[in-house]
Amino acid sequence: MGLDKTNTLNIKYFSIISIILSISFFQCDKFSSSTWLYYNQTSCSDKWGLYTNFDDLKQKVENYILTKKSIKVYDVEVLSNGPEQNCLACTCTTGNIIKLKVMTSDVAELKTEGFYE
């Protein structure tokens, strides 16, 4: 007694749906073990260099973290509500906070770069 055409199609559809659900589950799992880190931007002593606008800044931060630290950044935001220092030194903060979403396992490495939770 062999499988009829309907049963064969049902098995194929079930297999395809199972694969799609499995991929979705693993994608969600990737972000469930992630965390946000913050960095108070300085006037001119940040390791990723100067920037022309916030989109350029986000790209430079992401490129720096990926190329120098081999860490995947899942999201980058720039907030303008951080501590601002009115001084001329390169280490003075600008009031911008760089916010990164990374794997929780990469937090310790990024803390050595001045990021905090």
Protein backbone atom coordinates (compact mmCIF):
# COMPACT_ATOMS: atom_id res chain seq x y z
CA MET A 1 0.00 0.00 0.00
CA GLY A 2 1.68 3.23 -1.12
CA LEU A 3 1.06 6.83 -0.24
CA ASP A 4 -1.44 8.60 -2.41
CA LYS A 5 -0.74 11.98 -4.00
CA THR A 6 -2.63 13.95 -1.30
CA ASN A 7 -0.62 12.43 1.55
CA THR A 8 2.65 13.11 -0.28
CA LEU A 9 1.69 16.77 -0.76
CA ASN A 10 0.67 17.09 2.89
CA ILE A 11 4.04 15.71 3.99
CA LYS A 12 5.88 18.18 1.72
CA TYR A 13 3.85 21.15 2.99
CA PHE A 14 4.36 20.07 6.59
CA SER A 15 8.12 19.78 5.99
CA ILE A 16 8.32 23.24 4.40
CA ILE A 17 6.30 24.86 7.20
CA SER A 18 8.48 23.12 9.81
CA ILE A 19 11.64 24.46 8.20
CA ILE A 20 10.26 28.02 8.03
CA LEU A 21 9.18 27.91 11.68
CA SER A 22 12.57 26.55 12.74
CA ILE A 23 14.40 29.36 10.95
CA SER A 24 12.08 31.95 12.52
CA PHE A 25 12.67 30.46 15.97
CA PHE A 26 16.45 30.65 15.59
CA GLN A 27 16.26 34.24 14.33
CA CYS A 28 14.21 35.26 17.37
CA ASP A 29 16.60 33.40 19.64
CA LYS A 30 19.49 35.44 18.24
CA PHE A 31 17.88 38.66 19.49
CA SER A 32 16.66 37.24 22.79
CA SER A 33 20.26 36.96 23.99
CA SER A 34 21.14 40.50 22.92
CA THR A 35 21.47 43.66 24.96
CA TRP A 36 21.80 47.40 24.49
CA LEU A 37 25.05 49.18 25.36
CA TYR A 38 25.67 52.92 25.55
CA TYR A 39 28.62 55.20 24.85
CA ASN A 40 28.95 58.90 25.66
CA GLN A 41 30.33 60.45 22.49
CA THR A 42 33.32 62.75 22.84
CA SER A 43 34.29 65.84 20.87
CA CYS A 44 37.17 64.18 19.01
CA SER A 45 38.67 61.19 20.85
CA ASP A 46 36.35 58.41 19.65
CA LYS A 47 38.20 55.54 17.96
CA TRP A 48 35.92 55.50 14.90
CA GLY A 49 36.85 59.06 13.91
CA LEU A 50 34.91 62.12 12.87
CA TYR A 51 31.58 62.03 11.06
CA THR A 52 29.42 64.23 8.83
CA ASN A 53 25.93 63.30 10.11
CA PHE A 54 24.27 60.74 12.39
CA ASP A 55 23.89 58.16 9.60
CA ASP A 56 27.63 58.45 8.90
CA LEU A 57 28.36 58.17 12.63
CA LYS A 58 26.26 55.00 12.93
CA GLN A 59 28.05 53.42 9.97
CA LYS A 60 31.50 54.31 11.31
CA VAL A 61 30.72 52.90 14.76
CA GLU A 62 29.33 49.69 13.27
CA ASN A 63 32.33 49.30 10.92
CA TYR A 64 34.80 49.93 13.75
CA ILE A 65 33.17 47.37 16.06
CA LEU A 66 32.98 44.77 13.28
CA THR A 67 36.49 45.23 11.83
CA LYS A 68 38.47 45.92 15.02
CA LYS A 69 36.56 43.71 17.44
CA SER A 70 34.86 41.18 15.11
CA ILE A 71 31.57 41.87 16.86
CA LYS A 72 28.28 41.95 14.95
CA VAL A 73 26.15 45.02 15.73
CA TYR A 74 22.41 44.39 15.30
CA ASP A 75 21.27 47.99 15.68
CA VAL A 76 22.77 51.45 16.22
CA GLU A 77 20.98 54.56 17.44
CA VAL A 78 22.20 58.03 18.34
CA LEU A 79 20.42 59.83 21.15
CA SER A 80 20.87 63.53 21.91
CA ASN A 81 20.02 63.51 25.61
CA GLY A 82 23.35 62.55 27.15
CA PRO A 83 25.76 64.46 29.36
CA GLU A 84 27.29 67.46 27.60
CA GLN A 85 30.45 69.11 28.86
CA ASN A 86 31.25 72.69 27.89
CA CYS A 87 34.98 72.36 27.39
CA LEU A 88 37.43 72.25 24.49
CA ALA A 89 39.28 69.01 25.25
CA CYS A 90 38.82 66.05 22.88
CA THR A 91 37.57 63.93 25.76
CA CYS A 92 34.66 66.26 26.59
CA THR A 93 31.28 64.67 25.96
CA THR A 94 29.03 66.14 23.25
CA GLY A 95 25.64 65.20 24.67
CA ASN A 96 25.19 62.42 22.12
CA ILE A 97 24.84 58.83 23.30
CA ILE A 98 25.61 56.00 20.90
CA LYS A 99 23.36 53.03 21.58
CA LEU A 100 24.34 49.56 20.27
CA LYS A 101 22.43 46.28 20.24
CA VAL A 102 24.86 43.36 20.43
CA MET A 103 24.99 39.79 21.66
CA THR A 104 25.13 39.57 25.45
CA SER A 105 28.30 37.50 25.12
CA ASP A 106 30.07 40.55 23.57
CA VAL A 107 29.29 42.98 26.41
CA ALA A 108 32.54 42.48 28.35
CA GLU A 109 34.65 43.12 25.22
CA LEU A 110 32.79 46.33 24.39
CA LYS A 111 33.07 47.60 27.96
CA THR A 112 36.83 47.77 27.35
CA GLU A 113 35.97 50.28 24.58
CA GLY A 114 34.07 52.59 26.94
CA PHE A 115 30.55 51.23 26.40
CA TYR A 116 28.32 50.65 29.43
CA GLU A 117 24.98 49.00 30.23
